[in-house]
Protein backbone atom coordinates (compact mmCIF):
# COMPACT_ATOMS: atom_id res chain seq x y z
CA UNK A 1 30.92 -0.80 -0.36
CA UNK A 2 31.19 -1.62 -4.04
CA UNK A 3 27.90 -1.55 -5.92
CA UNK A 4 26.93 -4.34 -8.29
CA UNK A 5 26.77 -3.08 -11.89
CA UNK A 6 24.06 -5.63 -12.59
CA UNK A 7 22.03 -4.34 -9.63
CA UNK A 8 22.48 -0.72 -10.67
CA UNK A 9 21.22 -1.58 -14.13
CA UNK A 10 18.17 -3.30 -12.64
CA UNK A 11 17.43 -0.27 -10.45
CA UNK A 12 17.67 1.99 -13.48
CA UNK A 13 15.23 -0.31 -15.29
CA UNK A 14 12.83 -0.17 -12.35
CA UNK A 15 13.03 3.62 -12.20
CA UNK A 16 12.25 3.76 -15.89
CA UNK A 17 9.35 1.31 -15.79
CA UNK A 18 7.50 2.33 -12.60
CA UNK A 19 5.52 5.56 -12.69
CA UNK A 20 6.89 7.83 -9.95
CA UNK A 21 5.11 11.03 -9.00
CA UNK A 22 6.62 12.88 -6.07
CA UNK A 23 3.40 13.04 -4.04
CA UNK A 24 2.61 9.33 -4.38
CA UNK A 25 6.25 8.36 -3.78
CA UNK A 26 6.35 10.36 -0.54
CA UNK A 27 3.12 8.68 0.57
CA UNK A 28 4.85 5.33 0.04
CA UNK A 29 7.94 6.42 1.99
CA UNK A 30 5.94 7.78 4.92
CA UNK A 31 3.75 4.68 5.03
CA UNK A 32 6.50 2.11 4.60
CA UNK A 33 9.41 3.76 6.39
CA UNK A 34 8.73 6.93 8.38
CA UNK A 35 5.50 5.93 10.12
CA UNK A 36 7.16 3.09 12.04
CA UNK A 37 9.92 5.50 13.17
CA UNK A 38 7.63 8.03 14.80
CA UNK A 39 6.02 9.53 11.69
CA UNK A 40 7.99 12.79 11.52
CA UNK A 41 11.15 14.01 9.78
CA UNK A 42 13.03 17.14 8.76
CA UNK A 43 12.16 18.21 5.23
CA UNK A 44 15.81 18.69 4.29
CA UNK A 45 16.67 15.08 5.12
CA UNK A 46 13.58 13.85 3.27
CA UNK A 47 14.77 15.72 0.17
CA UNK A 48 18.12 13.90 0.41
CA UNK A 49 16.38 10.55 0.90
CA UNK A 50 14.23 11.01 -2.22
CA UNK A 51 17.02 12.29 -4.47
CA UNK A 52 18.05 8.82 -5.83
CA UNK A 53 14.54 8.44 -7.25
CA UNK A 54 15.11 11.35 -9.62
CA UNK A 55 12.89 13.79 -7.67
CA UNK A 56 14.19 17.36 -7.43
CA UNK A 57 14.06 19.50 -4.31
CA UNK A 58 11.33 21.65 -5.86
CA UNK A 59 9.22 18.57 -6.66
CA UNK A 60 9.55 17.24 -3.12
CA UNK A 61 8.70 20.59 -1.51
CA UNK A 62 5.63 20.96 -3.75
CA UNK A 63 4.48 17.40 -3.00
CA UNK A 64 4.89 17.82 0.76
CA UNK A 65 2.98 21.13 0.65
CA UNK A 66 0.11 19.42 -1.18
CA UNK A 67 0.08 16.51 1.26
CA UNK A 68 -0.21 19.01 4.10
CA UNK A 69 -3.05 20.75 2.28
CA UNK A 70 -4.80 17.37 1.88
CA UNK A 71 -4.39 16.73 5.65
CA UNK A 72 -1.93 13.86 5.31
CA UNK A 73 0.92 15.82 6.90
CA UNK A 74 1.30 18.75 9.29
CA UNK A 75 4.30 21.07 9.58
CA UNK A 76 6.23 22.24 12.63
CA UNK A 77 8.72 25.07 12.23
CA UNK A 78 11.80 25.04 14.50
CA UNK A 79 14.19 27.83 13.62
CA UNK A 80 14.74 27.68 9.89
CA UNK A 81 13.85 24.00 9.65
CA UNK A 82 10.47 22.50 8.77
CA UNK A 83 9.51 19.12 10.19
CA UNK A 84 6.60 17.21 8.69
CA UNK A 85 4.62 14.66 10.69
CA UNK A 86 1.63 12.51 9.87
CA UNK A 87 -1.70 13.90 11.00
CA UNK A 88 -4.19 11.70 12.86
CA UNK A 89 -6.17 11.43 9.62
CA UNK A 90 -3.01 10.46 7.77
CA UNK A 91 -2.22 7.76 10.33
CA UNK A 92 -5.72 6.29 9.98
CA UNK A 93 -5.35 6.18 6.20
CA UNK A 94 -1.99 4.45 6.48
CA UNK A 95 -3.23 1.94 9.05
CA UNK A 96 -5.94 0.73 6.67
CA UNK A 97 -3.40 0.36 3.85
CA UNK A 98 -0.92 -1.26 6.25
CA UNK A 99 -3.35 -4.10 6.98
CA UNK A 100 -3.80 -4.74 3.27
CA UNK A 101 -0.11 -4.66 2.34
CA UNK A 102 1.73 -6.32 5.23
CA UNK A 103 -0.81 -8.44 7.08
CA UNK A 104 -0.98 -12.22 6.98
CA UNK A 105 -2.96 -13.82 4.12
CA UNK A 106 -6.72 -13.74 4.60
CA UNK A 107 -8.58 -16.43 6.48
CA UNK A 108 -10.65 -19.14 4.75
CA UNK A 109 -13.85 -17.75 3.23
CA UNK A 110 -17.17 -18.63 4.86
CA UNK A 111 -19.12 -18.09 1.64
CA UNK A 112 -20.79 -14.88 2.79
CA UNK A 113 -20.81 -11.50 1.05
CA UNK A 114 -21.22 -8.09 2.66
CA UNK A 115 -23.57 -5.87 0.66
CA UNK A 116 -23.70 -2.09 1.03
CA UNK A 117 -27.02 -0.69 -0.21
CA UNK A 118 -26.76 3.08 -0.82
CA UNK A 119 -30.17 3.82 -2.38
CA UNK A 120 -31.99 4.51 0.89
CA UNK A 121 -33.13 8.04 0.12
CA UNK A 122 -30.75 9.42 2.74
CA UNK A 123 -27.75 9.98 0.45
CA UNK A 124 -27.71 12.42 -2.44
CA UNK A 125 -25.99 11.52 -5.71
CA UNK A 126 -22.70 13.25 -4.84
CA UNK A 127 -22.52 11.42 -1.51
CA UNK A 128 -23.25 8.07 -3.19
CA UNK A 129 -20.56 8.72 -5.79
CA UNK A 130 -18.01 9.57 -3.08
CA UNK A 131 -18.91 6.49 -1.06
CA UNK A 132 -18.72 4.26 -4.13
CA UNK A 133 -15.27 5.66 -4.98
CA UNK A 134 -13.94 5.21 -1.45
CA UNK A 135 -15.28 1.66 -1.12
CA UNK A 136 -13.90 0.71 -4.52
CA UNK A 137 -10.46 1.58 -3.09
CA UNK A 138 -11.22 -0.98 -0.36
CA UNK A 139 -11.99 -3.64 -2.94
CA UNK A 140 -15.78 -3.43 -3.18
CA UNK A 141 -17.34 -4.19 -6.54
CA UNK A 142 -20.57 -2.79 -8.02
CA UNK A 143 -23.15 -5.59 -7.93
CA UNK A 144 -25.72 -3.03 -9.14
CA UNK A 145 -25.66 0.78 -9.49
CA UNK A 146 -26.53 1.26 -5.81
CA UNK A 147 -25.30 -2.05 -4.32
CA UNK A 148 -21.62 -2.68 -3.52
CA UNK A 149 -20.36 -6.12 -2.56
CA UNK A 150 -17.30 -7.74 -1.01
CA UNK A 151 -16.76 -11.29 0.31
CA UNK A 152 -14.27 -10.40 3.07
CA UNK A 153 -13.87 -6.63 3.54
CA UNK A 154 -11.76 -4.78 6.06
CA UNK A 155 -14.62 -3.95 8.41
CA UNK A 156 -12.62 -1.40 10.41
CA UNK A 157 -11.76 0.52 7.24
CA UNK A 158 -15.43 0.35 6.19
CA UNK A 159 -16.55 1.68 9.57
CA UNK A 160 -14.12 4.61 9.40
CA UNK A 161 -15.18 5.46 5.84
CA UNK A 162 -18.86 5.49 6.73
CA UNK A 163 -18.12 7.67 9.77
CA UNK A 164 -15.96 10.12 7.79
CA UNK A 165 -18.69 10.52 5.16
CA UNK A 166 -21.46 10.76 7.78
CA UNK A 167 -23.08 7.76 6.11
CA UNK A 168 -23.30 5.28 9.00
CA UNK A 169 -27.02 5.90 9.49
CA UNK A 170 -27.70 6.39 5.77
CA UNK A 171 -26.81 3.03 4.21
CA UNK A 172 -27.97 -0.52 4.78
CA UNK A 173 -25.45 -3.33 5.29
CA UNK A 174 -26.59 -6.87 4.53
CA UNK A 175 -25.03 -10.32 4.66
CA UNK A 176 -25.78 -12.73 1.81
CA UNK A 177 -24.59 -16.04 0.43
CA UNK A 178 -25.06 -17.83 -2.87
CA UNK A 179 -27.94 -20.27 -3.01
CA UNK A 180 -26.99 -23.93 -3.36
CA UNK A 181 -28.48 -23.91 -6.87
CA UNK A 182 -25.90 -21.33 -8.01
CA UNK A 183 -23.16 -22.97 -10.08
CA UNK A 184 -19.49 -22.09 -9.48
CA UNK A 185 -19.23 -20.95 -13.09
CA UNK A 186 -22.07 -18.45 -12.83
CA UNK A 187 -20.62 -17.07 -9.58
CA UNK A 188 -17.25 -16.56 -11.25
CA UNK A 189 -18.98 -14.85 -14.18
CA UNK A 190 -20.67 -12.47 -11.75
CA UNK A 191 -17.31 -11.71 -10.13
CA UNK A 192 -15.77 -10.90 -13.53
CA UNK A 193 -18.61 -8.46 -14.21
CA UNK A 194 -17.93 -6.62 -10.92
CA UNK A 195 -14.11 -6.53 -10.96
CA UNK A 196 -11.56 -6.11 -13.74
CA UNK A 197 -9.58 -9.25 -12.97
CA UNK A 198 -7.90 -9.34 -16.38
CA UNK A 199 -6.20 -6.02 -15.69
CA UNK A 200 -5.07 -7.22 -12.27
CA UNK A 201 -3.60 -10.39 -13.83
CA UNK A 202 -1.62 -8.26 -16.28
CA UNK A 203 -0.45 -5.91 -13.52
CA UNK A 204 0.65 -8.72 -11.20
CA UNK A 205 2.51 -10.46 -14.03
CA UNK A 206 4.29 -7.18 -14.78
CA UNK A 207 5.26 -6.90 -11.11
CA UNK A 208 6.69 -10.42 -11.16
CA UNK A 209 8.65 -9.70 -14.34
CA UNK A 210 10.16 -6.55 -12.82
CA UNK A 211 11.19 -7.88 -9.42
CA UNK A 212 12.12 -11.53 -9.94
CA UNK A 213 15.46 -10.56 -11.59
CA UNK A 214 16.12 -8.15 -8.71
CA UNK A 215 15.56 -10.87 -6.13
CA UNK A 216 17.82 -13.35 -7.93
CA UNK A 217 20.59 -10.74 -8.24
CA UNK A 218 20.41 -9.70 -4.59
CA UNK A 219 20.40 -13.31 -3.39
CA UNK A 220 23.69 -13.90 -5.21
CA UNK A 221 25.50 -10.92 -3.65
CA UNK A 222 27.81 -11.34 -0.64
CA UNK A 223 27.05 -7.84 0.69
CA UNK A 224 24.07 -5.53 0.17
CA UNK A 225 24.45 -1.80 -0.37
CA UNK A 226 22.14 0.07 2.08
CA UNK A 227 21.09 2.86 -0.31
CA UNK A 228 20.37 0.39 -3.12
CA UNK A 229 18.32 -1.73 -0.71
CA UNK A 230 16.29 1.28 0.43
CA UNK A 231 15.58 2.33 -3.16
CA UNK A 232 14.54 -1.21 -4.09
CA UNK A 233 12.39 -1.63 -0.97
CA UNK A 234 10.60 1.63 -1.70
CA UNK A 235 10.06 0.78 -5.37
CA UNK A 236 8.90 -2.71 -4.37
CA UNK A 237 6.22 -1.41 -2.00
CA UNK A 238 5.31 1.49 -4.26
CA UNK A 239 4.63 -0.87 -7.17
CA UNK A 240 3.01 -3.58 -5.06
CA UNK A 241 0.81 -1.05 -3.23
CA UNK A 242 -0.39 0.42 -6.52
CA UNK A 243 -1.67 -3.01 -7.60
CA UNK A 244 -2.75 -4.42 -4.25
CA UNK A 245 -4.95 -1.49 -3.29
CA UNK A 246 -6.97 -2.16 -6.47
CA UNK A 247 -7.13 -5.89 -5.73
CA UNK A 248 -10.41 -6.82 -4.00
CA UNK A 249 -8.58 -9.72 -2.31
CA UNK A 250 -11.27 -12.17 -3.38
CA UNK A 251 -11.25 -15.72 -2.03
CA UNK A 252 -9.64 -18.43 -4.13
CA UNK A 253 -13.02 -20.03 -4.78
CA UNK A 254 -14.10 -17.21 -7.13
CA UNK A 255 -10.75 -16.39 -8.75
CA UNK A 256 -9.55 -17.66 -12.13
CA UNK A 257 -6.99 -20.52 -12.07
CA UNK A 258 -3.32 -19.58 -11.81
CA UNK A 259 -4.07 -16.29 -10.03
CA UNK A 260 -0.73 -14.39 -9.90
CA UNK A 261 -1.60 -12.41 -6.78
CA UNK A 262 -0.34 -15.21 -4.52
CA UNK A 263 3.03 -15.43 -6.30
CA UNK A 264 3.36 -11.63 -6.19
CA UNK A 265 2.76 -11.55 -2.45
CA UNK A 266 5.32 -14.32 -1.89
CA UNK A 267 7.94 -12.50 -3.97
CA UNK A 268 7.24 -9.21 -2.22
CA UNK A 269 7.55 -10.86 1.19
CA UNK A 270 10.79 -12.66 0.36
CA UNK A 271 12.45 -9.63 -1.24
CA UNK A 272 11.34 -7.34 1.60
CA UNK A 273 12.75 -9.72 4.20
CA UNK A 274 16.04 -9.96 2.30
CA UNK A 275 16.70 -6.20 2.10
CA UNK A 276 14.89 -4.64 5.05
CA UNK A 277 17.91 -4.57 7.42
CA UNK A 278 20.36 -2.66 5.16
CA UNK A 279 17.49 -0.48 3.94
CA UNK A 280 16.77 0.44 7.58
CA UNK A 281 20.42 1.37 8.11
CA UNK A 282 20.29 3.77 5.17
CA UNK A 283 17.01 5.30 6.35
CA UNK A 284 18.05 5.83 9.97
CA UNK A 285 21.45 7.15 8.97
CA UNK A 286 19.97 9.85 6.76
CA UNK A 287 16.68 11.10 8.21
CA UNK A 288 16.54 13.54 11.11
CA UNK A 289 13.80 14.52 13.53
CA UNK A 290 13.49 17.58 15.76
CA UNK A 291 15.08 15.48 18.53
CA UNK A 292 17.94 14.10 16.45
CA UNK A 293 18.17 10.75 14.62
CA UNK A 294 15.08 8.69 13.92
CA UNK A 295 13.82 6.64 16.87
CA UNK A 296 13.98 2.85 16.61
CA UNK A 297 11.26 1.17 14.58
CA UNK A 298 8.08 0.27 16.44
CA UNK A 299 7.76 -3.38 17.36
CA UNK A 300 4.87 -3.91 14.93
CA UNK A 301 7.25 -3.16 12.04
CA UNK A 302 8.82 -6.59 12.64
CA UNK A 303 5.42 -8.29 12.28
CA UNK A 304 5.24 -7.36 8.59
CA UNK A 305 4.84 -10.24 6.13
CA UNK A 306 4.61 -12.75 8.95
CA UNK A 307 7.81 -11.64 10.67
CA UNK A 308 11.06 -9.76 9.97
CA UNK A 309 14.42 -10.10 11.68
CA UNK A 310 15.08 -7.41 14.31
CA UNK A 311 18.83 -6.81 14.01
CA UNK A 312 18.79 -4.64 17.16
CA UNK A 313 17.27 -7.38 19.30
């Protein structure tokens, strides 16, 4: 299939503008593509899959080794081939991210905040610092040095984090809401002091600038090249994930006007839906498992972004 020169130029621009480190890129590929196909693949086929991103065999091998050391992946040796599968810990980490990236938009806000109070005397400073770091990844903001807040957190992810850090019995969780005397302006000022919304605005606008031309170009093509679609889908999720996992997903009531997060999600959804089928063909035609080709995608894959088309159905 002939490749569009315009599309190739856009892919080259994306590759030059999006920071790609082998370890983080492989995390994106496992989370977006391999997890829904069983979560395991032969290392040699993974190296071939990653090659168009400018990652050498040595870089991929080193990244996979480090992911195994960090308990994201585990290796199985069959003959001379190494197969890498997600660990149970790795699956839990991906499931939390999966809900943030692909789930339906959040429900209307009830006005309540969840507060996590860490200064109970049960946690030492190192444990508090670790908990604060992990909860910041889930979108919590620092209301005070020992109080973290979020209006609509992922409670399952919070529960798992507290359990992993042995902190379930060592912190206090409270529900709170703004008093009726609190003005909307002062609440928004408090939000700005807890989260760097200006940086998120800049990052989302950069995302829109990078991927809007790609979407317009792909929409105009009569046929879509599978490898190009897989590369774009991976770069799309890699870039979107990098921003979204720093986005506290605050309700509209406390966000500044013209918040670009909504437009970014819409673009990501529409572009993903447009290219997912040829991207899947490239992925399943290239990757191998210990039992042969990749198994079909799990049914929940087709629930992403409110619903994808299952071409095998």
